[in-house]
Amino acid sequence: MLHLSPKTTQVDKLAQQLKDEFGTVSGIIGIGGGSTMDLAKAVSLMMNNPGSSADYQGWDLVKLPGVYKAGIPTLSGTGAEVSRTTVLTGPVRKLGMNSDFTPFDQVVLDPELTANAPVNQRFYTGMDCYIHCIESLEGTYLNEFSKSYGEKALELCREVFIEKDTWDAECDDKLMMASYAGGMSIAYSQVGVAHAVGYGLSYLLGTKHGIGNCIVMNHLDEYYPSGAAEFKQMVQKHNIDIPQGICKGLIDADFDVMMNVSLSLKPLWENALGKDWEKIMTREKLRELYEKL
């Protein structure tokens, strides 16, 4: 199982190996967490699209459907099983191949596959789903499709992480459906500040996606006041240790790399802050936010 977003070089190598050995394949199956499913989606696309996967990091750049692909999640929360992106770390950015050709052709949702996941990992990926909902429901891109799925996913997250005192099979069931609904909520909407900032952390420091979102959400009272407060309530209830001070000791060039990656994610910022987002999230303000992490 992968723990970080797959690299474009990794995708290209796997796709080329399959082409060299088989010419083509009838399908790709991704079994695992969000990164493994993203890898499967990307390899599927690169079986039929020329060049490097790095060429398709962006929005609606993929021109041809990939080979048949199926996703089987073994962790719940990322929404990768239904999202129209596959998040990749490329030579200059961390950004998905966002397209209508990206989603799986088939998904198998079996909550028994998520049973006995490590407590911290389960929380971090669960919070990825929770943050999807907050960013979607409070974003400027919100529509009735996204709202319907986002509200249901948020309700399930609260049932699992606030109302329940012990983890059981019902929690696995609910979190799997929350992940699915949360992924659908952002399919035709967008995520926001936590993800935009978290991508910079992941690109420079290799911070895992779910943990990165939690590190950032811990400091987003200004942008999502009720969501950040509720997030902290869940952290305390489940005795989760959110890493602190991960940006201490970084030099100006490091901050510039993270900020460049983050600010390149224009749809995320526009969803979070509106069309005038560049006047709100200046480089100076973003630098201050990174320095808190």
C-alpha atoms as a PDB file:
ATOM      1  CA  MET A   1       0.000   0.000   0.000  1.00  0.00           C
ATOM      2  CA  LEU A   2       1.264   3.479  -0.896  1.00  0.00           C
ATOM      3  CA  HIS A   3       1.353   6.164   1.784  1.00  0.00           C
ATOM      4  CA  LEU A   4       2.134   9.208  -0.369  1.00  0.00           C
ATOM      5  CA  SER A   5       0.680  10.498  -3.611  1.00  0.00           C
ATOM      6  CA  PRO A   6       2.145   8.461  -6.481  1.00  0.00           C
ATOM      7  CA  LYS A   7       4.770  10.173  -8.602  1.00  0.00           C
ATOM      8  CA  THR A   8       4.309  10.826 -12.293  1.00  0.00           C
ATOM      9  CA  THR A   9       7.558   8.928 -12.926  1.00  0.00           C
ATOM     10  CA  GLN A  10       6.079   5.928 -11.116  1.00  0.00           C
ATOM     11  CA  VAL A  11       2.911   6.071 -13.223  1.00  0.00           C
ATOM     12  CA  ASP A  12       4.858   6.375 -16.467  1.00  0.00           C
ATOM     13  CA  LYS A  13       7.153   3.481 -15.567  1.00  0.00           C
ATOM     14  CA  LEU A  14       4.296   1.131 -14.696  1.00  0.00           C
ATOM     15  CA  ALA A  15       2.327   2.030 -17.810  1.00  0.00           C
ATOM     16  CA  GLN A  16       5.385   1.500 -20.017  1.00  0.00           C
ATOM     17  CA  GLN A  17       6.155  -1.836 -18.380  1.00  0.00           C
ATOM     18  CA  LEU A  18       2.616  -3.031 -19.134  1.00  0.00           C
ATOM     19  CA  LYS A  19       2.859  -1.813 -22.726  1.00  0.00           C
ATOM     20  CA  ASP A  20       6.238  -3.483 -23.218  1.00  0.00           C
ATOM     21  CA  GLU A  21       5.063  -6.818 -21.796  1.00  0.00           C
ATOM     22  CA  PHE A  22       1.467  -7.018 -23.016  1.00  0.00           C
ATOM     23  CA  GLY A  23       0.967  -4.313 -25.610  1.00  0.00           C
ATOM     24  CA  THR A  24      -2.247  -3.464 -23.839  1.00  0.00           C
ATOM     25  CA  VAL A  25      -4.304  -4.802 -20.944  1.00  0.00           C
ATOM     26  CA  SER A  26      -8.025  -5.380 -20.507  1.00  0.00           C
ATOM     27  CA  GLY A  27      -8.168  -3.546 -17.218  1.00  0.00           C
ATOM     28  CA  ILE A  28      -6.511  -2.178 -14.071  1.00  0.00           C
ATOM     29  CA  ILE A  29      -7.623  -2.898 -10.494  1.00  0.00           C
ATOM     30  CA  GLY A  30      -6.608  -0.661  -7.582  1.00  0.00           C
ATOM     31  CA  ILE A  31      -6.903  -2.259  -4.140  1.00  0.00           C
ATOM     32  CA  GLY A  32      -5.832  -0.116  -1.190  1.00  0.00           C
ATOM     33  CA  GLY A  33      -6.001   3.417   0.131  1.00  0.00           C
ATOM     34  CA  GLY A  34      -6.423   6.626  -1.817  1.00  0.00           C
ATOM     35  CA  SER A  35      -2.884   6.720  -3.210  1.00  0.00           C
ATOM     36  CA  THR A  36      -3.116   3.165  -4.534  1.00  0.00           C
ATOM     37  CA  MET A  37      -6.446   3.913  -6.196  1.00  0.00           C
ATOM     38  CA  ASP A  38      -5.024   7.126  -7.672  1.00  0.00           C
ATOM     39  CA  LEU A  39      -2.104   5.139  -9.068  1.00  0.00           C
ATOM     40  CA  ALA A  40      -4.479   2.648 -10.689  1.00  0.00           C
ATOM     41  CA  LYS A  41      -6.553   5.422 -12.272  1.00  0.00           C
ATOM     42  CA  ALA A  42      -3.460   7.178 -13.605  1.00  0.00           C
ATOM     43  CA  VAL A  43      -1.920   4.017 -15.075  1.00  0.00           C
ATOM     44  CA  SER A  44      -5.248   3.217 -16.758  1.00  0.00           C
ATOM     45  CA  LEU A  45      -5.295   6.652 -18.402  1.00  0.00           C
ATOM     46  CA  MET A  46      -1.661   6.422 -19.503  1.00  0.00           C
ATOM     47  CA  MET A  47      -2.277   3.142 -21.303  1.00  0.00           C
ATOM     48  CA  ASN A  48      -4.169   5.118 -23.964  1.00  0.00           C
ATOM     49  CA  ASN A  49      -2.848   8.689 -23.720  1.00  0.00           C
ATOM     50  CA  PRO A  50       0.575   9.633 -25.184  1.00  0.00           C
ATOM     51  CA  GLY A  51       3.445  11.330 -23.378  1.00  0.00           C
ATOM     52  CA  SER A  52       3.979  11.576 -19.637  1.00  0.00           C
ATOM     53  CA  SER A  53       1.338  11.695 -16.921  1.00  0.00           C
ATOM     54  CA  ALA A  54       2.920  15.023 -15.922  1.00  0.00           C
ATOM     55  CA  ASP A  55       1.516  16.435 -19.184  1.00  0.00           C
ATOM     56  CA  TYR A  56      -2.003  15.888 -17.869  1.00  0.00           C
ATOM     57  CA  GLN A  57      -1.684  17.440 -14.412  1.00  0.00           C
ATOM     58  CA  GLY A  58      -4.441  20.017 -14.517  1.00  0.00           C
ATOM     59  CA  TRP A  59      -8.077  20.267 -15.484  1.00  0.00           C
ATOM     60  CA  ASP A  60      -9.594  18.479 -18.498  1.00  0.00           C
ATOM     61  CA  LEU A  61      -6.282  17.848 -20.260  1.00  0.00           C
ATOM     62  CA  VAL A  62      -6.872  14.097 -20.686  1.00  0.00           C
ATOM     63  CA  LYS A  63      -8.262  13.504 -24.189  1.00  0.00           C
ATOM     64  CA  LEU A  64      -8.792   9.735 -24.348  1.00  0.00           C
ATOM     65  CA  PRO A  65     -10.450   7.279 -21.951  1.00  0.00           C
ATOM     66  CA  GLY A  66      -8.121   4.823 -20.271  1.00  0.00           C
ATOM     67  CA  VAL A  67      -8.511   1.064 -20.120  1.00  0.00           C
ATOM     68  CA  TYR A  68     -11.223  -0.368 -17.888  1.00  0.00           C
ATOM     69  CA  LYS A  69     -10.465   0.304 -14.221  1.00  0.00           C
ATOM     70  CA  ALA A  70     -11.950  -0.868 -10.932  1.00  0.00           C
ATOM     71  CA  GLY A  71     -11.346   0.461  -7.425  1.00  0.00           C
ATOM     72  CA  ILE A  72     -11.533  -1.437  -4.147  1.00  0.00           C
ATOM     73  CA  PRO A  73     -10.852   0.815  -1.122  1.00  0.00           C
ATOM     74  CA  THR A  74      -9.324  -0.660   2.046  1.00  0.00           C
ATOM     75  CA  LEU A  75      -9.431   2.696   3.868  1.00  0.00           C
ATOM     76  CA  SER A  76     -12.348   5.101   4.028  1.00  0.00           C
ATOM     77  CA  GLY A  77     -12.192   8.854   3.669  1.00  0.00           C
ATOM     78  CA  THR A  78     -10.207   9.916   0.621  1.00  0.00           C
ATOM     79  CA  GLY A  79     -13.097   9.666  -1.824  1.00  0.00           C
ATOM     80  CA  ALA A  80     -10.629   8.437  -4.458  1.00  0.00           C
ATOM     81  CA  GLU A  81     -13.055   5.637  -5.285  1.00  0.00           C
ATOM     82  CA  VAL A  82     -15.412   8.154  -6.943  1.00  0.00           C
ATOM     83  CA  SER A  83     -13.432  11.337  -7.573  1.00  0.00           C
ATOM     84  CA  ARG A  84     -12.651  12.713 -11.043  1.00  0.00           C
ATOM     85  CA  THR A  85      -9.020  13.279 -10.138  1.00  0.00           C
ATOM     86  CA  THR A  86      -5.934  11.221  -9.513  1.00  0.00           C
ATOM     87  CA  VAL A  87      -3.515  13.189  -7.347  1.00  0.00           C
ATOM     88  CA  LEU A  88       0.093  12.908  -8.529  1.00  0.00           C
ATOM     89  CA  THR A  89       3.399  14.410  -7.475  1.00  0.00           C
ATOM     90  CA  GLY A  90       5.096  15.622 -10.631  1.00  0.00           C
ATOM     91  CA  PRO A  91       8.425  17.263 -11.407  1.00  0.00           C
ATOM     92  CA  VAL A  92       7.145  20.761 -10.585  1.00  0.00           C
ATOM     93  CA  ARG A  93       3.858  20.333  -8.726  1.00  0.00           C
ATOM     94  CA  LYS A  94       1.469  18.098  -6.838  1.00  0.00           C
ATOM     95  CA  LEU A  95      -1.727  18.159  -8.878  1.00  0.00           C
ATOM     96  CA  GLY A  96      -4.301  15.717 -10.151  1.00  0.00           C
ATOM     97  CA  MET A  97      -5.247  14.523 -13.588  1.00  0.00           C
ATOM     98  CA  ASN A  98      -8.710  16.057 -13.296  1.00  0.00           C
ATOM     99  CA  SER A  99     -11.011  14.863 -16.058  1.00  0.00           C
ATOM    100  CA  ASP A 100     -14.254  13.085 -16.880  1.00  0.00           C
ATOM    101  CA  PHE A 101     -12.147  10.095 -17.980  1.00  0.00           C
ATOM    102  CA  THR A 102     -10.506   9.691 -14.552  1.00  0.00           C
ATOM    103  CA  PRO A 103     -13.223   8.027 -12.393  1.00  0.00           C
ATOM    104  CA  PHE A 104     -13.306   4.261 -12.013  1.00  0.00           C
ATOM    105  CA  ASP A 105     -15.628   2.260 -14.252  1.00  0.00           C
ATOM    106  CA  GLN A 106     -16.545   0.096 -11.268  1.00  0.00           C
ATOM    107  CA  VAL A 107     -16.052   0.268  -7.505  1.00  0.00           C
ATOM    108  CA  VAL A 108     -16.420  -2.449  -4.895  1.00  0.00           C
ATOM    109  CA  LEU A 109     -17.332  -1.082  -1.452  1.00  0.00           C
ATOM    110  CA  ASP A 110     -16.869  -3.649   1.316  1.00  0.00           C
ATOM    111  CA  PRO A 111     -16.487  -2.127   4.795  1.00  0.00           C
ATOM    112  CA  GLU A 112     -15.051  -5.397   6.116  1.00  0.00           C
ATOM    113  CA  LEU A 113     -11.888  -4.569   4.151  1.00  0.00           C
ATOM    114  CA  THR A 114     -11.399  -1.491   6.363  1.00  0.00           C
ATOM    115  CA  ALA A 115     -11.815  -3.337   9.672  1.00  0.00           C
ATOM    116  CA  ASN A 116      -8.880  -3.095  12.087  1.00  0.00           C
ATOM    117  CA  ALA A 117      -7.239  -0.192  10.279  1.00  0.00           C
ATOM    118  CA  PRO A 118      -4.704   1.584  12.538  1.00  0.00           C
ATOM    119  CA  VAL A 119      -6.510   4.104  14.753  1.00  0.00           C
ATOM    120  CA  ASN A 120      -4.466   7.139  13.681  1.00  0.00           C
ATOM    121  CA  GLN A 121      -4.621   6.257   9.985  1.00  0.00           C
ATOM    122  CA  ARG A 122      -8.370   5.705  10.216  1.00  0.00           C
ATOM    123  CA  PHE A 123      -8.770   9.117  11.836  1.00  0.00           C
ATOM    124  CA  TYR A 124      -6.567  10.948   9.329  1.00  0.00           C
ATOM    125  CA  THR A 125      -8.373   9.502   6.303  1.00  0.00           C
ATOM    126  CA  GLY A 126     -11.730  10.044   8.014  1.00  0.00           C
ATOM    127  CA  MET A 127     -10.819  13.685   8.511  1.00  0.00           C
ATOM    128  CA  ASP A 128      -9.949  13.927   4.813  1.00  0.00           C
ATOM    129  CA  CYS A 129     -13.617  13.137   4.208  1.00  0.00           C
ATOM    130  CA  TYR A 130     -14.785  15.573   6.887  1.00  0.00           C
ATOM    131  CA  ILE A 131     -12.626  18.349   5.424  1.00  0.00           C
ATOM    132  CA  HIS A 132     -13.943  17.569   1.920  1.00  0.00           C
ATOM    133  CA  CYS A 133     -17.428  18.258   3.264  1.00  0.00           C
ATOM    134  CA  ILE A 134     -16.526  21.507   5.043  1.00  0.00           C
ATOM    135  CA  GLU A 135     -14.651  22.866   2.033  1.00  0.00           C
ATOM    136  CA  SER A 136     -17.386  21.865  -0.411  1.00  0.00           C
ATOM    137  CA  LEU A 137     -20.351  23.078   1.659  1.00  0.00           C
ATOM    138  CA  GLU A 138     -18.732  26.439   2.442  1.00  0.00           C
ATOM    139  CA  GLY A 139     -17.290  27.001  -1.044  1.00  0.00           C
ATOM    140  CA  THR A 140     -18.374  29.365  -3.793  1.00  0.00           C
ATOM    141  CA  TYR A 141     -18.666  26.438  -6.240  1.00  0.00           C
ATOM    142  CA  LEU A 142     -21.462  24.850  -4.182  1.00  0.00           C
ATOM    143  CA  ASN A 143     -24.422  23.479  -6.134  1.00  0.00           C
ATOM    144  CA  GLU A 144     -27.382  21.284  -5.226  1.00  0.00           C
ATOM    145  CA  PHE A 145     -25.594  18.125  -6.377  1.00  0.00           C
ATOM    146  CA  SER A 146     -22.575  18.819  -4.177  1.00  0.00           C
ATOM    147  CA  LYS A 147     -24.716  20.069  -1.309  1.00  0.00           C
ATOM    148  CA  SER A 148     -26.868  16.927  -1.170  1.00  0.00           C
ATOM    149  CA  TYR A 149     -23.900  14.571  -1.024  1.00  0.00           C
ATOM    150  CA  GLY A 150     -21.844  16.852   1.225  1.00  0.00           C
ATOM    151  CA  GLU A 151     -24.567  17.208   3.844  1.00  0.00           C
ATOM    152  CA  LYS A 152     -25.083  13.438   4.029  1.00  0.00           C
ATOM    153  CA  ALA A 153     -21.352  12.746   4.267  1.00  0.00           C
ATOM    154  CA  LEU A 154     -20.971  15.365   7.008  1.00  0.00           C
ATOM    155  CA  GLU A 155     -23.859  13.827   8.944  1.00  0.00           C
ATOM    156  CA  LEU A 156     -22.213  10.386   8.777  1.00  0.00           C
ATOM    157  CA  CYS A 157     -18.820  11.792   9.830  1.00  0.00           C
ATOM    158  CA  ARG A 158     -20.417  13.376  12.889  1.00  0.00           C
ATOM    159  CA  GLU A 159     -22.179  10.134  13.788  1.00  0.00           C
ATOM    160  CA  VAL A 160     -18.870   8.269  13.624  1.00  0.00           C
ATOM    161  CA  PHE A 161     -16.439  10.750  15.172  1.00  0.00           C
ATOM    162  CA  ILE A 162     -18.644  12.696  17.601  1.00  0.00           C
ATOM    163  CA  GLU A 163     -21.648  10.617  18.627  1.00  0.00           C
ATOM    164  CA  LYS A 164     -20.000   7.173  18.875  1.00  0.00           C
ATOM    165  CA  ASP A 165     -17.838   6.353  21.895  1.00  0.00           C
ATOM    166  CA  THR A 166     -16.398   3.047  20.673  1.00  0.00           C
ATOM    167  CA  TRP A 167     -15.429   1.901  17.204  1.00  0.00           C
ATOM    168  CA  ASP A 168     -17.449  -0.975  15.751  1.00  0.00           C
ATOM    169  CA  ALA A 169     -18.546  -2.461  12.429  1.00  0.00           C
ATOM    170  CA  GLU A 170     -21.286   0.162  12.130  1.00  0.00           C
ATOM    171  CA  CYS A 171     -18.600   2.859  12.128  1.00  0.00           C
ATOM    172  CA  ASP A 172     -16.811   1.093   9.266  1.00  0.00           C
ATOM    173  CA  ASP A 173     -20.093   0.976   7.321  1.00  0.00           C
ATOM    174  CA  LYS A 174     -20.897   4.630   7.902  1.00  0.00           C
ATOM    175  CA  LEU A 175     -17.411   5.938   7.186  1.00  0.00           C
ATOM    176  CA  MET A 176     -17.250   4.022   3.911  1.00  0.00           C
ATOM    177  CA  MET A 177     -20.498   5.630   2.780  1.00  0.00           C
ATOM    178  CA  ALA A 178     -19.321   9.023   4.053  1.00  0.00           C
ATOM    179  CA  SER A 179     -16.189   8.637   1.939  1.00  0.00           C
ATOM    180  CA  TYR A 180     -18.268   7.814  -1.128  1.00  0.00           C
ATOM    181  CA  ALA A 181     -20.670  10.723  -0.585  1.00  0.00           C
ATOM    182  CA  GLY A 182     -17.845  13.123   0.287  1.00  0.00           C
ATOM    183  CA  GLY A 183     -16.032  12.194  -2.912  1.00  0.00           C
ATOM    184  CA  MET A 184     -19.223  12.770  -4.889  1.00  0.00           C
ATOM    185  CA  SER A 185     -19.678  16.152  -3.205  1.00  0.00           C
ATOM    186  CA  ILE A 186     -16.393  17.464  -4.599  1.00  0.00           C
ATOM    187  CA  ALA A 187     -16.771  15.735  -7.976  1.00  0.00           C
ATOM    188  CA  TYR A 188     -18.477  18.795  -9.464  1.00  0.00           C
ATOM    189  CA  SER A 189     -17.457  21.274  -6.775  1.00  0.00           C
ATOM    190  CA  GLN A 190     -13.990  21.690  -5.264  1.00  0.00           C
ATOM    191  CA  VAL A 191     -11.989  21.475  -2.080  1.00  0.00           C
ATOM    192  CA  GLY A 192     -10.461  24.553  -0.443  1.00  0.00           C
ATOM    193  CA  VAL A 193      -7.838  26.055   1.834  1.00  0.00           C
ATOM    194  CA  ALA A 194      -6.806  22.910   3.741  1.00  0.00           C
ATOM    195  CA  HIS A 195      -6.101  20.965   0.567  1.00  0.00           C
ATOM    196  CA  ALA A 196      -4.445  23.882  -1.228  1.00  0.00           C
ATOM    197  CA  VAL A 197      -2.031  24.432   1.658  1.00  0.00           C
ATOM    198  CA  GLY A 198      -1.601  20.712   2.312  1.00  0.00           C
ATOM    199  CA  TYR A 199      -0.448  20.053  -1.256  1.00  0.00           C
ATOM    200  CA  GLY A 200       2.501  22.358  -0.651  1.00  0.00           C
ATOM    201  CA  LEU A 201       3.456  20.417   2.486  1.00  0.00           C
ATOM    202  CA  SER A 202       3.224  17.124   0.659  1.00  0.00           C
ATOM    203  CA  TYR A 203       5.289  18.292  -2.298  1.00  0.00           C
ATOM    204  CA  LEU A 204       8.168  19.687  -0.226  1.00  0.00           C
ATOM    205  CA  LEU A 205       8.139  17.613   2.949  1.00  0.00           C
ATOM    206  CA  GLY A 206       6.470  14.406   1.794  1.00  0.00           C
ATOM    207  CA  THR A 207       3.687  14.847   4.340  1.00  0.00           C
ATOM    208  CA  LYS A 208       0.991  12.216   3.923  1.00  0.00           C
ATOM    209  CA  HIS A 209      -2.235  13.639   2.550  1.00  0.00           C
ATOM    210  CA  GLY A 210      -4.583  12.941   5.462  1.00  0.00           C
ATOM    211  CA  ILE A 211      -2.098  14.060   8.106  1.00  0.00           C
ATOM    212  CA  GLY A 212      -1.290  17.166   6.086  1.00  0.00           C
ATOM    213  CA  ASN A 213      -4.940  18.165   5.899  1.00  0.00           C
ATOM    214  CA  CYS A 214      -5.249  17.736   9.662  1.00  0.00           C
ATOM    215  CA  ILE A 215      -2.118  19.808  10.337  1.00  0.00           C
ATOM    216  CA  VAL A 216      -3.538  22.636   8.227  1.00  0.00           C
ATOM    217  CA  MET A 217      -7.140  22.380   9.468  1.00  0.00           C
ATOM    218  CA  ASN A 218      -5.840  22.860  12.997  1.00  0.00           C
ATOM    219  CA  HIS A 219      -5.013  26.466  12.005  1.00  0.00           C
ATOM    220  CA  LEU A 220      -7.958  27.441   9.788  1.00  0.00           C
ATOM    221  CA  ASP A 221     -10.225  29.166  12.310  1.00  0.00           C
ATOM    222  CA  GLU A 222     -10.181  32.298  10.126  1.00  0.00           C
ATOM    223  CA  TYR A 223     -11.533  30.478   7.066  1.00  0.00           C
ATOM    224  CA  TYR A 224     -13.714  27.678   8.495  1.00  0.00           C
ATOM    225  CA  PRO A 225     -14.467  28.773  12.098  1.00  0.00           C
ATOM    226  CA  SER A 226     -17.176  26.220  12.918  1.00  0.00           C
ATOM    227  CA  GLY A 227     -15.484  23.421  10.975  1.00  0.00           C
ATOM    228  CA  ALA A 228     -12.104  24.042  12.609  1.00  0.00           C
ATOM    229  CA  ALA A 229     -13.710  24.116  16.071  1.00  0.00           C
ATOM    230  CA  GLU A 230     -15.551  20.850  15.437  1.00  0.00           C
ATOM    231  CA  PHE A 231     -12.381  19.297  14.022  1.00  0.00           C
ATOM    232  CA  LYS A 232     -10.509  20.139  17.225  1.00  0.00           C
ATOM    233  CA  GLN A 233     -13.352  18.610  19.236  1.00  0.00           C
ATOM    234  CA  MET A 234     -12.949  15.337  17.324  1.00  0.00           C
ATOM    235  CA  VAL A 235      -9.157  15.401  17.730  1.00  0.00           C
ATOM    236  CA  GLN A 236      -9.571  15.749  21.491  1.00  0.00           C
ATOM    237  CA  LYS A 237     -12.287  13.091  21.737  1.00  0.00           C
ATOM    238  CA  HIS A 238     -10.175  10.494  19.931  1.00  0.00           C
ATOM    239  CA  ASN A 239      -6.875  11.449  21.599  1.00  0.00           C
ATOM    240  CA  ILE A 240      -5.131  12.104  18.297  1.00  0.00           C
ATOM    241  CA  ASP A 241      -1.778  13.862  18.255  1.00  0.00           C
ATOM    242  CA  ILE A 242      -1.614  16.401  15.422  1.00  0.00           C
ATOM    243  CA  PRO A 243       2.040  17.141  14.517  1.00  0.00           C
ATOM    244  CA  GLN A 244       3.230  20.660  15.310  1.00  0.00           C
ATOM    245  CA  GLY A 245       6.132  22.766  14.088  1.00  0.00           C
ATOM    246  CA  ILE A 246       6.804  20.845  10.892  1.00  0.00           C
ATOM    247  CA  CYS A 247       7.843  24.041   9.079  1.00  0.00           C
ATOM    248  CA  LYS A 248      10.361  25.124  11.690  1.00  0.00           C
ATOM    249  CA  GLY A 249      13.857  25.456  10.279  1.00  0.00           C
ATOM    250  CA  LEU A 250      12.723  25.873   6.679  1.00  0.00           C
ATOM    251  CA  ILE A 251      14.486  28.508   4.608  1.00  0.00           C
ATOM    252  CA  ASP A 252      12.947  31.100   2.298  1.00  0.00           C
ATOM    253  CA  ALA A 253      13.463  28.893  -0.754  1.00  0.00           C
ATOM    254  CA  ASP A 254      11.491  26.093   0.923  1.00  0.00           C
ATOM    255  CA  PHE A 255       8.569  28.377   1.693  1.00  0.00           C
ATOM    256  CA  ASP A 256       8.658  29.638  -1.897  1.00  0.00           C
ATOM    257  CA  VAL A 257       8.369  26.077  -3.224  1.00  0.00           C
ATOM    258  CA  MET A 258       5.368  25.328  -1.016  1.00  0.00           C
ATOM    259  CA  MET A 259       3.680  28.623  -1.849  1.00  0.00           C
ATOM    260  CA  ASN A 260       4.220  28.159  -5.591  1.00  0.00           C
ATOM    261  CA  VAL A 261       2.614  24.716  -5.460  1.00  0.00           C
ATOM    262  CA  SER A 262      -0.259  25.952  -3.339  1.00  0.00           C
ATOM    263  CA  LEU A 263      -1.031  29.113  -5.296  1.00  0.00           C
ATOM    264  CA  SER A 264      -1.024  27.199  -8.596  1.00  0.00           C
ATOM    265  CA  LEU A 265      -4.229  25.452  -7.448  1.00  0.00           C
ATOM    266  CA  LYS A 266      -6.454  28.297  -8.587  1.00  0.00           C
ATOM    267  CA  PRO A 267      -9.826  26.463  -8.587  1.00  0.00           C
ATOM    268  CA  LEU A 268      -9.302  25.447  -4.946  1.00  0.00           C
ATOM    269  CA  TRP A 269      -8.614  29.035  -3.876  1.00  0.00           C
ATOM    270  CA  GLU A 270     -11.482  30.419  -5.934  1.00  0.00           C
ATOM    271  CA  ASN A 271     -13.862  27.919  -4.377  1.00  0.00           C
ATOM    272  CA  ALA A 272     -12.652  28.869  -0.902  1.00  0.00           C
ATOM    273  CA  LEU A 273     -12.345  32.649  -1.208  1.00  0.00           C
ATOM    274  CA  GLY A 274     -14.150  33.727  -4.373  1.00  0.00           C
ATOM    275  CA  LYS A 275     -12.998  35.248  -7.656  1.00  0.00           C
ATOM    276  CA  ASP A 276     -10.894  37.893  -5.881  1.00  0.00           C
ATOM    277  CA  TRP A 277      -8.989  35.270  -3.901  1.00  0.00           C
ATOM    278  CA  GLU A 278      -5.583  36.585  -5.005  1.00  0.00           C
ATOM    279  CA  LYS A 279      -6.278  39.838  -3.191  1.00  0.00           C
ATOM    280  CA  ILE A 280      -7.133  37.883  -0.036  1.00  0.00           C
ATOM    281  CA  MET A 281      -4.526  35.113  -0.017  1.00  0.00           C
ATOM    282  CA  THR A 282      -1.348  37.062  -0.741  1.00  0.00           C
ATOM    283  CA  ARG A 283       2.038  35.391  -0.626  1.00  0.00           C
ATOM    284  CA  GLU A 284       2.712  37.180   2.658  1.00  0.00           C
ATOM    285  CA  LYS A 285      -0.479  35.836   4.226  1.00  0.00           C
ATOM    286  CA  LEU A 286       0.185  32.336   2.938  1.00  0.00           C
ATOM    287  CA  ARG A 287       3.745  32.475   4.285  1.00  0.00           C
ATOM    288  CA  GLU A 288       2.351  33.389   7.725  1.00  0.00           C
ATOM    289  CA  LEU A 289       0.017  30.397   7.578  1.00  0.00           C
ATOM    290  CA  TYR A 290       2.819  27.983   6.646  1.00  0.00           C
ATOM    291  CA  GLU A 291       4.967  29.356   9.472  1.00  0.00           C
ATOM    292  CA  LYS A 292       2.258  28.363  11.984  1.00  0.00           C
ATOM    293  CA  LEU A 293       2.269  24.716  10.901  1.00  0.00           C
END
